[in-house]
N, C-alpha and C. Protein backbone atom coordinates (compact mmCIF):
# COMPACT_ATOMS: atom_id res chain seq x y z
N UNK A 1 -130.84 20.81 78.88
CA UNK A 1 -129.65 20.29 78.23
C UNK A 1 -128.50 20.18 79.23
N UNK A 2 -127.54 19.44 78.85
CA UNK A 2 -126.37 19.22 79.68
C UNK A 2 -125.54 20.49 79.77
N UNK A 3 -125.26 20.92 80.99
CA UNK A 3 -124.48 22.15 81.18
C UNK A 3 -123.05 22.01 80.66
N UNK A 4 -122.52 20.80 80.66
CA UNK A 4 -121.12 20.59 80.28
C UNK A 4 -120.96 20.12 78.83
N UNK A 5 -122.00 20.24 78.03
CA UNK A 5 -121.93 19.77 76.65
C UNK A 5 -120.92 20.59 75.86
N UNK A 6 -120.03 19.89 75.16
CA UNK A 6 -118.99 20.56 74.38
C UNK A 6 -119.58 21.42 73.27
N UNK A 7 -120.64 20.93 72.62
CA UNK A 7 -121.19 21.65 71.47
C UNK A 7 -121.78 23.00 71.84
N UNK A 8 -122.11 23.20 73.11
CA UNK A 8 -122.67 24.49 73.52
C UNK A 8 -121.63 25.60 73.48
N UNK A 9 -120.35 25.24 73.38
CA UNK A 9 -119.29 26.24 73.28
C UNK A 9 -119.12 26.74 71.85
N UNK A 10 -119.73 26.06 70.89
CA UNK A 10 -119.55 26.39 69.48
C UNK A 10 -120.71 27.24 68.98
N UNK A 11 -120.40 28.23 68.14
CA UNK A 11 -121.43 29.15 67.65
C UNK A 11 -122.04 28.71 66.32
N UNK A 12 -121.43 27.77 65.64
CA UNK A 12 -121.94 27.31 64.35
C UNK A 12 -122.28 25.83 64.42
N UNK A 13 -123.02 25.37 63.42
CA UNK A 13 -123.36 23.95 63.32
C UNK A 13 -122.06 23.15 63.15
N UNK A 14 -121.91 22.08 63.93
CA UNK A 14 -120.67 21.31 63.91
C UNK A 14 -120.43 20.64 62.56
N UNK A 15 -121.50 20.19 61.93
CA UNK A 15 -121.34 19.55 60.61
C UNK A 15 -120.88 20.57 59.57
N UNK A 16 -121.39 21.78 59.66
CA UNK A 16 -120.99 22.84 58.74
C UNK A 16 -119.53 23.24 59.01
N UNK A 17 -119.15 23.28 60.29
CA UNK A 17 -117.76 23.63 60.65
C UNK A 17 -116.77 22.69 59.99
N UNK A 18 -117.11 21.39 59.96
CA UNK A 18 -116.21 20.41 59.35
C UNK A 18 -116.47 20.23 57.86
N UNK A 19 -117.61 20.71 57.38
CA UNK A 19 -117.93 20.55 55.97
C UNK A 19 -118.33 19.14 55.60
N UNK A 20 -119.03 18.45 56.51
CA UNK A 20 -119.46 17.08 56.24
C UNK A 20 -120.97 16.97 56.35
N UNK A 21 -121.49 15.90 55.81
CA UNK A 21 -122.91 15.61 55.88
C UNK A 21 -123.26 15.07 57.26
N UNK A 22 -124.52 15.16 57.63
CA UNK A 22 -124.95 14.58 58.91
C UNK A 22 -124.86 13.06 58.87
N UNK A 23 -124.73 12.49 57.69
CA UNK A 23 -124.59 11.04 57.55
C UNK A 23 -123.13 10.63 57.34
N UNK A 24 -122.19 11.50 57.60
CA UNK A 24 -120.78 11.22 57.35
C UNK A 24 -120.27 10.09 58.24
N UNK A 25 -119.41 9.27 57.68
CA UNK A 25 -118.80 8.18 58.45
C UNK A 25 -117.68 8.74 59.33
N UNK A 26 -117.18 7.90 60.23
CA UNK A 26 -116.08 8.32 61.09
C UNK A 26 -114.84 8.68 60.27
N UNK A 27 -114.59 7.92 59.22
CA UNK A 27 -113.43 8.20 58.36
C UNK A 27 -113.58 9.54 57.64
N UNK A 28 -114.78 9.83 57.17
CA UNK A 28 -115.02 11.11 56.49
C UNK A 28 -114.87 12.28 57.45
N UNK A 29 -115.32 12.09 58.69
CA UNK A 29 -115.19 13.15 59.70
C UNK A 29 -113.72 13.39 60.02
N UNK A 30 -112.95 12.31 60.19
CA UNK A 30 -111.53 12.46 60.49
C UNK A 30 -110.79 13.12 59.33
N UNK A 31 -111.10 12.72 58.12
CA UNK A 31 -110.45 13.31 56.95
C UNK A 31 -110.78 14.80 56.83
N UNK A 32 -112.05 15.15 57.04
CA UNK A 32 -112.46 16.56 56.97
C UNK A 32 -111.79 17.36 58.07
N UNK A 33 -111.65 16.76 59.25
CA UNK A 33 -111.00 17.46 60.37
C UNK A 33 -109.53 17.73 60.04
N UNK A 34 -108.85 16.74 59.49
CA UNK A 34 -107.44 16.94 59.16
C UNK A 34 -107.26 18.06 58.14
N UNK A 35 -108.10 18.06 57.14
CA UNK A 35 -108.03 19.11 56.11
C UNK A 35 -108.31 20.48 56.70
N UNK A 36 -109.40 20.58 57.48
CA UNK A 36 -109.77 21.87 58.07
C UNK A 36 -108.74 22.33 59.10
N UNK A 37 -108.18 21.39 59.85
CA UNK A 37 -107.18 21.75 60.86
C UNK A 37 -105.92 22.31 60.19
N UNK A 38 -105.51 21.69 59.08
CA UNK A 38 -104.35 22.21 58.34
C UNK A 38 -104.60 23.62 57.82
N UNK A 39 -105.80 23.85 57.32
CA UNK A 39 -106.12 25.15 56.74
C UNK A 39 -106.26 26.24 57.79
N UNK A 40 -106.78 25.89 58.96
CA UNK A 40 -107.10 26.89 59.98
C UNK A 40 -106.11 26.97 61.13
N UNK A 41 -105.07 26.15 61.12
CA UNK A 41 -104.13 26.15 62.25
C UNK A 41 -103.41 27.50 62.33
N UNK A 42 -103.36 28.08 63.52
CA UNK A 42 -102.71 29.40 63.68
C UNK A 42 -101.24 29.42 63.25
N UNK A 43 -100.54 28.29 63.38
CA UNK A 43 -99.14 28.25 62.98
C UNK A 43 -98.96 28.36 61.47
N UNK A 44 -100.01 28.06 60.72
CA UNK A 44 -99.91 28.18 59.26
C UNK A 44 -100.76 29.35 58.74
N UNK A 45 -100.98 30.33 59.60
CA UNK A 45 -101.66 31.56 59.20
C UNK A 45 -103.18 31.52 59.30
N UNK A 46 -103.72 30.50 59.94
CA UNK A 46 -105.17 30.39 60.08
C UNK A 46 -105.70 31.16 61.28
N UNK A 47 -107.00 31.21 61.39
CA UNK A 47 -107.69 31.90 62.48
C UNK A 47 -107.80 30.97 63.68
N UNK A 48 -107.36 31.41 64.84
CA UNK A 48 -107.36 30.58 66.05
C UNK A 48 -108.78 30.22 66.47
N UNK A 49 -109.72 31.16 66.35
CA UNK A 49 -111.11 30.88 66.74
C UNK A 49 -111.73 29.82 65.83
N UNK A 50 -111.47 29.95 64.55
CA UNK A 50 -112.02 28.98 63.60
C UNK A 50 -111.38 27.60 63.82
N UNK A 51 -110.08 27.57 64.12
CA UNK A 51 -109.40 26.31 64.41
C UNK A 51 -110.01 25.66 65.65
N UNK A 52 -110.30 26.47 66.67
CA UNK A 52 -110.90 25.95 67.90
C UNK A 52 -112.29 25.35 67.61
N UNK A 53 -113.07 26.01 66.76
CA UNK A 53 -114.40 25.49 66.42
C UNK A 53 -114.30 24.18 65.63
N UNK A 54 -113.34 24.11 64.72
CA UNK A 54 -113.14 22.88 63.94
C UNK A 54 -112.72 21.75 64.87
N UNK A 55 -111.81 22.04 65.79
CA UNK A 55 -111.35 21.01 66.73
C UNK A 55 -112.49 20.56 67.64
N UNK A 56 -113.28 21.50 68.11
CA UNK A 56 -114.42 21.18 68.96
C UNK A 56 -115.43 20.33 68.19
N UNK A 57 -115.67 20.67 66.94
CA UNK A 57 -116.59 19.88 66.11
C UNK A 57 -116.07 18.45 65.98
N UNK A 58 -114.77 18.30 65.78
CA UNK A 58 -114.19 16.96 65.66
C UNK A 58 -114.33 16.19 66.98
N UNK A 59 -114.07 16.85 68.11
CA UNK A 59 -114.17 16.17 69.40
C UNK A 59 -115.58 15.63 69.63
N UNK A 60 -116.58 16.40 69.26
CA UNK A 60 -117.96 15.97 69.47
C UNK A 60 -118.36 14.90 68.46
N UNK A 61 -118.10 15.14 67.18
CA UNK A 61 -118.59 14.24 66.14
C UNK A 61 -117.80 12.93 66.06
N UNK A 62 -116.59 12.89 66.59
CA UNK A 62 -115.82 11.64 66.56
C UNK A 62 -116.16 10.73 67.73
N UNK A 63 -116.82 11.24 68.75
CA UNK A 63 -117.26 10.44 69.90
C UNK A 63 -118.74 10.10 69.68
N UNK A 64 -119.04 8.83 69.49
CA UNK A 64 -120.40 8.43 69.09
C UNK A 64 -121.46 8.86 70.10
N UNK A 65 -121.18 8.76 71.39
CA UNK A 65 -122.19 9.15 72.38
C UNK A 65 -122.43 10.67 72.36
N UNK A 66 -121.35 11.45 72.22
CA UNK A 66 -121.52 12.90 72.13
C UNK A 66 -122.19 13.29 70.82
N UNK A 67 -121.87 12.59 69.75
CA UNK A 67 -122.49 12.88 68.46
C UNK A 67 -124.00 12.61 68.52
N UNK A 68 -124.38 11.48 69.14
CA UNK A 68 -125.81 11.17 69.28
C UNK A 68 -126.52 12.24 70.10
N UNK A 69 -125.89 12.66 71.20
CA UNK A 69 -126.50 13.71 72.03
C UNK A 69 -126.60 15.02 71.26
N UNK A 70 -125.56 15.36 70.50
CA UNK A 70 -125.59 16.59 69.70
C UNK A 70 -126.68 16.52 68.64
N UNK A 71 -126.81 15.36 67.98
CA UNK A 71 -127.84 15.21 66.96
C UNK A 71 -129.24 15.39 67.55
N UNK A 72 -129.47 14.82 68.73
CA UNK A 72 -130.77 15.00 69.39
C UNK A 72 -130.99 16.48 69.71
N UNK A 73 -129.95 17.14 70.24
CA UNK A 73 -130.04 18.57 70.56
C UNK A 73 -130.31 19.38 69.30
N UNK A 74 -129.61 19.05 68.23
CA UNK A 74 -129.73 19.78 66.96
C UNK A 74 -131.14 19.63 66.39
N UNK A 75 -131.68 18.42 66.42
CA UNK A 75 -133.04 18.20 65.91
C UNK A 75 -134.07 18.93 66.75
N UNK A 76 -133.85 18.97 68.05
CA UNK A 76 -134.76 19.71 68.94
C UNK A 76 -134.73 21.19 68.61
N UNK A 77 -133.53 21.74 68.40
CA UNK A 77 -133.39 23.15 68.05
C UNK A 77 -134.04 23.47 66.71
N UNK A 78 -133.85 22.58 65.73
CA UNK A 78 -134.46 22.80 64.42
C UNK A 78 -135.98 22.76 64.51
N UNK A 79 -136.50 21.83 65.30
CA UNK A 79 -137.96 21.74 65.46
C UNK A 79 -138.49 22.97 66.19
N UNK A 80 -137.75 23.45 67.18
CA UNK A 80 -138.18 24.64 67.93
C UNK A 80 -138.16 25.89 67.05
N UNK A 81 -137.22 25.95 66.12
CA UNK A 81 -137.14 27.09 65.21
C UNK A 81 -138.15 26.99 64.07
N UNK A 82 -138.81 25.83 63.95
CA UNK A 82 -139.79 25.64 62.89
C UNK A 82 -139.18 25.35 61.54
N UNK A 83 -137.91 25.00 61.51
CA UNK A 83 -137.24 24.70 60.24
C UNK A 83 -137.51 23.25 59.86
N UNK A 84 -137.65 23.02 58.59
CA UNK A 84 -137.80 21.65 58.10
C UNK A 84 -136.46 20.96 58.16
N UNK A 85 -136.48 19.68 58.47
CA UNK A 85 -135.23 18.93 58.58
C UNK A 85 -134.51 18.86 57.24
N UNK A 86 -135.25 18.92 56.14
CA UNK A 86 -134.62 18.86 54.82
C UNK A 86 -133.84 20.13 54.51
N UNK A 87 -134.12 21.21 55.20
CA UNK A 87 -133.47 22.47 54.88
C UNK A 87 -132.15 22.66 55.62
N UNK A 88 -131.71 21.65 56.35
CA UNK A 88 -130.43 21.79 57.04
C UNK A 88 -129.33 21.89 56.01
N UNK A 89 -128.35 22.71 56.31
CA UNK A 89 -127.29 22.92 55.34
C UNK A 89 -126.30 21.78 55.40
N UNK A 90 -126.26 21.00 54.34
CA UNK A 90 -125.30 19.92 54.21
C UNK A 90 -124.52 20.17 52.93
N UNK A 91 -123.23 20.00 52.99
CA UNK A 91 -122.44 20.21 51.78
C UNK A 91 -122.77 19.17 50.72
N UNK A 92 -122.60 19.55 49.47
CA UNK A 92 -122.83 18.62 48.38
C UNK A 92 -121.74 17.55 48.38
N UNK A 93 -122.06 16.41 47.81
CA UNK A 93 -121.08 15.35 47.69
C UNK A 93 -119.96 15.82 46.80
N UNK A 94 -118.72 15.65 47.25
CA UNK A 94 -117.58 16.19 46.52
C UNK A 94 -116.87 15.16 45.66
N UNK A 95 -117.45 13.99 45.51
CA UNK A 95 -116.87 13.00 44.62
C UNK A 95 -115.87 12.08 45.28
N UNK A 96 -115.55 12.30 46.55
CA UNK A 96 -114.61 11.41 47.21
C UNK A 96 -115.29 10.08 47.52
N UNK A 97 -114.52 9.11 47.89
CA UNK A 97 -115.07 7.79 48.15
C UNK A 97 -116.03 7.83 49.33
N UNK A 98 -116.99 6.96 49.29
CA UNK A 98 -117.97 6.89 50.36
C UNK A 98 -118.00 5.48 50.91
N UNK A 99 -118.82 5.28 51.92
CA UNK A 99 -118.93 3.96 52.53
C UNK A 99 -119.55 2.95 51.58
N UNK A 100 -120.24 3.41 50.52
CA UNK A 100 -120.85 2.49 49.58
C UNK A 100 -119.82 1.80 48.70
N UNK A 101 -118.61 2.30 48.63
CA UNK A 101 -117.59 1.70 47.79
C UNK A 101 -116.85 0.57 48.49
N UNK A 102 -117.03 0.42 49.78
CA UNK A 102 -116.29 -0.60 50.52
C UNK A 102 -116.56 -2.02 50.04
N UNK A 103 -117.82 -2.44 49.81
CA UNK A 103 -118.04 -3.81 49.32
C UNK A 103 -117.35 -4.07 47.99
N UNK A 104 -117.36 -3.08 47.09
CA UNK A 104 -116.69 -3.25 45.80
C UNK A 104 -115.19 -3.43 46.00
N UNK A 105 -114.62 -2.67 46.94
CA UNK A 105 -113.19 -2.78 47.22
C UNK A 105 -112.86 -4.15 47.79
N UNK A 106 -113.72 -4.66 48.68
CA UNK A 106 -113.49 -5.98 49.26
C UNK A 106 -113.54 -7.07 48.19
N UNK A 107 -114.49 -6.98 47.27
CA UNK A 107 -114.56 -7.95 46.19
C UNK A 107 -113.31 -7.88 45.31
N UNK A 108 -112.84 -6.68 45.06
CA UNK A 108 -111.64 -6.51 44.24
C UNK A 108 -110.43 -7.14 44.93
N UNK A 109 -110.30 -6.90 46.23
CA UNK A 109 -109.18 -7.50 46.97
C UNK A 109 -109.28 -9.02 47.00
N UNK A 110 -110.49 -9.55 47.16
CA UNK A 110 -110.67 -11.00 47.15
C UNK A 110 -110.30 -11.58 45.79
N UNK A 111 -110.68 -10.89 44.72
CA UNK A 111 -110.35 -11.35 43.37
C UNK A 111 -108.83 -11.33 43.15
N UNK A 112 -108.17 -10.28 43.64
CA UNK A 112 -106.71 -10.20 43.50
C UNK A 112 -106.03 -11.31 44.28
N UNK A 113 -106.52 -11.58 45.50
CA UNK A 113 -105.93 -12.66 46.31
C UNK A 113 -106.11 -14.01 45.62
N UNK A 114 -107.29 -14.26 45.08
CA UNK A 114 -107.54 -15.52 44.38
C UNK A 114 -106.66 -15.62 43.14
N UNK A 115 -106.54 -14.54 42.41
CA UNK A 115 -105.70 -14.51 41.22
C UNK A 115 -104.23 -14.76 41.59
N UNK A 116 -103.80 -14.21 42.72
CA UNK A 116 -102.42 -14.41 43.17
C UNK A 116 -102.16 -15.88 43.50
N UNK A 117 -103.11 -16.52 44.15
CA UNK A 117 -102.94 -17.94 44.50
C UNK A 117 -102.90 -18.79 43.24
N UNK A 118 -103.85 -18.57 42.34
CA UNK A 118 -103.88 -19.36 41.10
C UNK A 118 -102.66 -19.05 40.24
N UNK A 119 -102.31 -17.76 40.15
CA UNK A 119 -101.16 -17.37 39.34
C UNK A 119 -99.84 -17.90 39.86
N UNK A 120 -99.74 -18.09 41.19
CA UNK A 120 -98.48 -18.59 41.75
C UNK A 120 -98.24 -20.04 41.37
N UNK A 121 -99.30 -20.81 41.10
CA UNK A 121 -99.12 -22.18 40.63
C UNK A 121 -98.62 -22.21 39.20
N UNK A 122 -99.05 -21.24 38.41
CA UNK A 122 -98.65 -21.18 37.00
C UNK A 122 -97.24 -20.63 36.87
N UNK A 123 -96.97 -19.52 37.56
CA UNK A 123 -95.67 -18.86 37.48
C UNK A 123 -95.34 -18.31 38.87
N UNK A 124 -94.29 -18.83 39.55
CA UNK A 124 -94.00 -18.41 40.93
C UNK A 124 -93.75 -16.91 41.08
N UNK A 125 -93.25 -16.25 40.06
CA UNK A 125 -92.99 -14.82 40.15
C UNK A 125 -94.26 -13.98 40.12
N UNK A 126 -95.38 -14.59 39.79
CA UNK A 126 -96.65 -13.86 39.71
C UNK A 126 -97.05 -13.29 41.07
N UNK A 127 -96.76 -14.01 42.15
CA UNK A 127 -97.09 -13.53 43.49
C UNK A 127 -96.33 -12.25 43.81
N UNK A 128 -95.08 -12.19 43.40
CA UNK A 128 -94.27 -11.00 43.64
C UNK A 128 -94.83 -9.82 42.87
N UNK A 129 -95.17 -10.04 41.61
CA UNK A 129 -95.73 -8.97 40.78
C UNK A 129 -97.06 -8.49 41.37
N UNK A 130 -97.89 -9.42 41.80
CA UNK A 130 -99.18 -9.05 42.41
C UNK A 130 -98.96 -8.27 43.69
N UNK A 131 -98.00 -8.68 44.50
CA UNK A 131 -97.69 -7.96 45.74
C UNK A 131 -97.25 -6.53 45.48
N UNK A 132 -96.44 -6.35 44.47
CA UNK A 132 -95.98 -5.00 44.12
C UNK A 132 -97.16 -4.16 43.64
N UNK A 133 -98.04 -4.74 42.83
CA UNK A 133 -99.21 -4.00 42.33
C UNK A 133 -100.13 -3.60 43.48
N UNK A 134 -100.36 -4.51 44.41
CA UNK A 134 -101.21 -4.19 45.57
C UNK A 134 -100.55 -3.10 46.41
N UNK A 135 -99.25 -3.18 46.59
CA UNK A 135 -98.53 -2.15 47.34
C UNK A 135 -98.67 -0.78 46.71
N UNK A 136 -98.59 -0.72 45.40
CA UNK A 136 -98.75 0.56 44.69
C UNK A 136 -100.15 1.12 44.89
N UNK A 137 -101.17 0.25 44.80
CA UNK A 137 -102.55 0.70 45.00
C UNK A 137 -102.75 1.21 46.42
N UNK A 138 -102.24 0.48 47.40
CA UNK A 138 -102.40 0.89 48.80
C UNK A 138 -101.70 2.22 49.06
N UNK A 139 -100.49 2.38 48.56
CA UNK A 139 -99.77 3.64 48.75
C UNK A 139 -100.49 4.81 48.09
N UNK A 140 -101.05 4.58 46.91
CA UNK A 140 -101.78 5.67 46.25
C UNK A 140 -103.02 6.06 47.04
N UNK A 141 -103.69 5.08 47.67
CA UNK A 141 -104.86 5.39 48.51
C UNK A 141 -104.44 6.21 49.73
N UNK A 142 -103.32 5.84 50.35
CA UNK A 142 -102.84 6.60 51.51
C UNK A 142 -102.48 8.03 51.12
N UNK A 143 -101.90 8.20 49.95
CA UNK A 143 -101.57 9.55 49.50
C UNK A 143 -102.82 10.38 49.28
N UNK A 144 -103.88 9.77 48.74
CA UNK A 144 -105.14 10.49 48.54
C UNK A 144 -105.75 10.89 49.88
N UNK A 145 -105.50 10.09 50.92
CA UNK A 145 -106.05 10.38 52.24
C UNK A 145 -105.19 11.39 53.00
N UNK A 146 -104.06 11.76 52.46
CA UNK A 146 -103.21 12.75 53.11
C UNK A 146 -102.09 12.16 53.93
N UNK A 147 -101.85 10.85 53.80
CA UNK A 147 -100.79 10.21 54.55
C UNK A 147 -99.57 9.95 53.68
N UNK A 148 -99.46 10.64 52.57
CA UNK A 148 -98.38 10.39 51.63
C UNK A 148 -97.02 10.75 52.19
N UNK A 149 -96.02 10.36 51.46
CA UNK A 149 -94.65 10.66 51.85
C UNK A 149 -94.36 12.11 51.50
N UNK A 150 -94.28 12.95 52.51
CA UNK A 150 -94.01 14.37 52.28
C UNK A 150 -92.81 14.78 53.10
N UNK A 151 -92.12 15.77 52.61
CA UNK A 151 -90.96 16.29 53.35
C UNK A 151 -91.43 17.29 54.38
N UNK A 152 -90.85 17.21 55.54
CA UNK A 152 -91.16 18.19 56.57
C UNK A 152 -90.21 19.35 56.43
N UNK A 153 -90.76 20.52 56.57
CA UNK A 153 -89.92 21.72 56.41
C UNK A 153 -89.65 22.36 57.74
């Protein structure tokens, strides 16, 4: 194995450290990292060692080449230990959005855009109303992702 591999510095499985599935998308990994970093940051009363492991997990899993190398290493270790690949600890789906919802979202946005164009011919103010509605939906999605308008203390 590579002597300089980042994952060799970590004592736990990187996917478990972040609480994501081995099939997690880049967005899911980043979201999990932000949540775990907030919870474990030493400035907010978290454990410095655990924060370091979470950050290390994010560094490896967010870089596709390092993630691929880690996955190969992980599968080799599991095979050497005689563990079945199905027995790897993956967190249960927590109900948040997944990559499978993206096509539905794109169709919805296309339908809204078409409705806005047709509606603007019928009533010019319809475009403004549609724009406000889309803005509200986008802002609510950002708030769910943790980018909401919050006061800094």
